Amino acid sequence: MQDEIYIKGPVLSPGATGWPGMTQDRPLSAKEIQKAAYQFLPGYSIIDVQHSFMKQAEVVESYVSPEQTEFNGKIYPEGTWFVTSRVTSPEIIKAVTDGELTGYSIGAFPEKQYKELKRINKSMFNDVEEGAWFPLAISIVDVPFYPEMVFKLFGPDDFIKKEQIVEDKIMSEDKTRDTLLE
């Protein structure tokens, strides 16, 4: 078994509402998602399993997509928050590779409760005004609340090729700065 794996996937996406036929949550705006992504990282980036609030992985990448993005066979709108986590626990690695854990779920709490250090209860976005919540944890879960938002697994030696858009031309990352300036 591998010593570590990486999982990458969407956490929140503008307009997503959850499982059809189940409790629906209000869609989030790109601005609200960006606020959450920026609040999440500074010193509080907990990646847990099944909302246990016990740190089980670490964030190695977090970003809000600046444009529509294709990921894992699905198109996500501008403003989707993506996270990549490094997992080293053999039990969690096995659960991910066996397909028992499939995506991320946000542990969001009303911001007022968090600031006043009251008892914090996980809430639905329907229960909280737009932008008035705090992302305390991201959980690796068996069934993500947003069913289409599953993560992708890769190993420490895998490389995800990136491309740059430069003056409306897609340049492979092996192009040097000098060739771009010619």
Protein backbone atom coordinates (compact mmCIF):
# COMPACT_ATOMS: atom_id res chain seq x y z
CA MET A 1 0.00 0.00 0.00
CA GLN A 2 1.14 3.54 -0.71
CA ASP A 3 2.53 5.70 2.12
CA GLU A 4 0.56 8.71 0.93
CA ILE A 5 -2.02 9.72 -1.63
CA TYR A 6 -3.40 13.00 -2.84
CA ILE A 7 -7.05 13.73 -3.45
CA LYS A 8 -8.27 16.74 -5.39
CA GLY A 9 -11.80 17.87 -5.87
CA PRO A 10 -14.39 20.60 -5.66
CA VAL A 11 -15.61 21.67 -2.23
CA LEU A 12 -18.25 24.26 -3.18
CA SER A 13 -19.57 25.41 -6.53
CA PRO A 14 -21.84 28.36 -7.37
CA GLY A 15 -25.41 27.26 -7.92
CA ALA A 16 -25.06 23.71 -6.51
CA THR A 17 -28.04 22.61 -4.39
CA GLY A 18 -27.41 19.05 -3.17
CA TRP A 19 -29.05 15.68 -3.76
CA PRO A 20 -32.26 15.79 -5.82
CA GLY A 21 -35.26 14.78 -3.71
CA MET A 22 -33.42 15.27 -0.42
CA THR A 23 -33.04 18.36 1.73
CA GLN A 24 -32.19 21.15 -0.64
CA ASP A 25 -29.83 23.90 0.40
CA ARG A 26 -29.72 27.38 -1.04
CA PRO A 27 -27.21 27.86 -3.85
CA LEU A 28 -24.06 29.77 -2.99
CA SER A 29 -22.65 32.68 -4.97
CA ALA A 30 -19.07 32.77 -6.26
CA LYS A 31 -18.39 35.73 -3.94
CA GLU A 32 -19.63 33.80 -0.90
CA ILE A 33 -17.53 30.76 -1.86
CA GLN A 34 -14.42 32.92 -2.32
CA LYS A 35 -14.90 34.44 1.14
CA ALA A 36 -15.13 30.95 2.66
CA ALA A 37 -12.04 29.70 0.81
CA TYR A 38 -10.00 32.67 2.01
CA GLN A 39 -11.22 32.28 5.62
CA PHE A 40 -10.48 28.57 5.66
CA LEU A 41 -6.74 28.48 5.20
CA PRO A 42 -5.09 30.81 7.72
CA GLY A 43 -4.25 28.45 10.58
CA TYR A 44 -7.56 26.60 10.64
CA SER A 45 -7.37 24.22 7.72
CA ILE A 46 -8.81 21.02 9.16
CA ILE A 47 -9.32 18.12 6.80
CA ASP A 48 -11.19 15.40 8.66
CA VAL A 49 -13.20 12.29 7.83
CA GLN A 50 -17.02 12.14 8.06
CA HIS A 51 -17.24 15.43 10.04
CA SER A 52 -15.27 14.09 13.01
CA PHE A 53 -13.37 17.41 13.46
CA MET A 54 -10.19 15.41 14.08
CA LYS A 55 -7.46 16.38 11.62
CA GLN A 56 -6.83 13.45 9.26
CA ALA A 57 -5.15 15.05 6.23
CA GLU A 58 -3.48 18.27 5.23
CA VAL A 59 -4.24 20.85 2.58
CA VAL A 60 -1.55 21.15 -0.08
CA GLU A 61 -3.54 23.27 -2.54
CA SER A 62 -6.63 25.45 -2.30
CA TYR A 63 -7.96 27.79 -4.96
CA VAL A 64 -11.10 29.33 -6.41
CA SER A 65 -11.30 28.79 -10.16
CA PRO A 66 -11.11 32.07 -12.08
CA GLU A 67 -12.99 30.58 -15.03
CA GLN A 68 -15.19 27.66 -16.01
CA THR A 69 -13.18 24.49 -15.34
CA GLU A 70 -13.42 20.90 -16.55
CA PHE A 71 -12.53 18.46 -13.78
CA ASN A 72 -13.07 14.72 -13.55
CA GLY A 73 -15.42 14.74 -16.55
CA LYS A 74 -17.67 17.57 -15.32
CA ILE A 75 -17.75 21.28 -16.11
CA TYR A 76 -17.68 23.56 -13.05
CA PRO A 77 -18.53 27.27 -13.20
CA GLU A 78 -16.18 30.13 -12.44
CA GLY A 79 -15.92 30.53 -8.65
CA THR A 80 -15.74 26.81 -7.77
CA TRP A 81 -13.49 26.11 -4.77
CA PHE A 82 -11.04 23.22 -5.30
CA VAL A 83 -8.85 21.60 -2.64
CA THR A 84 -6.05 19.04 -2.84
CA SER A 85 -5.26 17.08 0.33
CA ARG A 86 -2.38 14.80 1.27
CA VAL A 87 -3.51 11.67 3.11
CA THR A 88 -1.03 9.48 5.03
CA SER A 89 -3.30 7.36 7.24
CA PRO A 90 -3.30 3.75 5.95
CA GLU A 91 -6.97 3.34 6.93
CA ILE A 92 -8.07 6.45 5.03
CA ILE A 93 -5.87 5.60 2.03
CA LYS A 94 -7.57 2.19 1.88
CA ALA A 95 -11.06 3.72 2.19
CA VAL A 96 -10.32 6.19 -0.62
CA THR A 97 -8.71 3.64 -2.95
CA ASP A 98 -11.58 1.19 -2.27
CA GLY A 99 -14.11 3.89 -3.23
CA GLU A 100 -15.63 4.07 0.26
CA LEU A 101 -14.76 7.78 0.56
CA THR A 102 -15.58 9.74 -2.58
CA GLY A 103 -15.69 13.49 -2.06
CA TYR A 104 -15.49 16.54 0.16
CA SER A 105 -18.15 18.07 2.40
CA ILE A 106 -17.85 21.47 4.07
CA GLY A 107 -18.28 21.84 7.82
CA ALA A 108 -19.90 25.27 7.85
CA PHE A 109 -21.13 27.09 10.92
CA PRO A 110 -22.97 30.37 11.51
CA GLU A 111 -20.31 33.06 11.78
CA LYS A 112 -22.05 34.76 14.72
CA GLN A 113 -21.87 31.58 16.83
CA TYR A 114 -18.20 31.14 15.94
CA LYS A 115 -17.25 34.74 16.82
CA GLU A 116 -19.15 34.65 20.12
CA LEU A 117 -17.69 31.22 20.95
CA LYS A 118 -21.17 29.83 21.56
CA ARG A 119 -21.96 26.18 21.12
CA ILE A 120 -21.40 25.64 17.42
CA ASN A 121 -24.02 23.68 15.53
CA LYS A 122 -23.52 22.63 11.92
CA SER A 123 -26.16 24.33 9.82
CA MET A 124 -27.63 24.18 6.36
CA PHE A 125 -26.90 27.22 4.20
CA ASN A 126 -30.67 27.77 4.14
CA ASP A 127 -30.45 28.57 7.87
CA VAL A 128 -27.83 31.30 7.53
CA GLU A 129 -27.79 34.61 5.67
CA GLU A 130 -25.59 34.82 2.60
CA GLY A 131 -21.94 35.10 3.61
CA ALA A 132 -22.71 34.83 7.35
CA TRP A 133 -21.08 31.45 7.91
CA PHE A 134 -17.59 30.18 8.66
CA PRO A 135 -15.87 27.13 7.10
CA LEU A 136 -14.34 25.29 10.05
CA ALA A 137 -13.49 21.97 8.38
CA ILE A 138 -13.58 20.11 5.10
CA SER A 139 -14.48 16.47 5.48
CA ILE A 140 -13.53 13.54 3.32
CA VAL A 141 -16.85 11.71 3.12
CA ASP A 142 -18.52 8.65 1.65
CA VAL A 143 -21.34 10.60 -0.01
CA PRO A 144 -20.76 14.31 -0.67
CA PHE A 145 -23.78 16.59 -0.20
CA TYR A 146 -23.26 17.73 -3.78
CA PRO A 147 -23.34 14.31 -5.51
CA GLU A 148 -21.53 15.30 -8.70
CA MET A 149 -18.61 16.77 -6.75
CA VAL A 150 -16.34 13.76 -6.33
CA PHE A 151 -12.60 13.94 -5.96
CA LYS A 152 -9.82 12.47 -8.03
CA LEU A 153 -7.10 10.30 -6.51
CA PHE A 154 -3.45 10.48 -7.50
CA GLY A 155 -0.12 9.38 -6.08
CA PRO A 156 2.86 11.40 -4.89
CA ASP A 157 4.75 10.74 -8.11
CA ASP A 158 1.86 11.62 -10.42
CA PHE A 159 2.00 14.94 -12.18
CA ILE A 160 -1.02 16.91 -13.31
CA LYS A 161 0.01 18.84 -16.40
CA LYS A 162 -1.00 22.48 -16.31
CA GLU A 163 -1.26 24.89 -19.20
CA GLN A 164 -0.98 28.65 -19.25
CA ILE A 165 -3.10 30.95 -21.34
CA VAL A 166 -0.86 33.69 -22.74
CA GLU A 167 -2.32 36.26 -25.12
CA ASP A 168 -5.10 33.87 -26.19
CA LYS A 169 -2.59 31.10 -27.00
CA ILE A 170 -2.28 27.98 -24.93
CA MET A 171 1.38 27.39 -24.27
CA SER A 172 2.68 24.14 -22.87
CA GLU A 173 4.44 24.58 -19.55
CA ASP A 174 7.73 23.48 -21.08
CA LYS A 175 7.91 26.78 -23.00
CA THR A 176 10.49 29.11 -21.54
CA ARG A 177 10.02 32.76 -20.73
CA ASP A 178 12.34 33.67 -23.61
CA THR A 179 10.21 31.91 -26.21
CA LEU A 180 7.10 33.65 -24.87
CA LEU A 181 8.75 37.06 -25.30
CA GLU A 182 9.86 36.51 -28.90
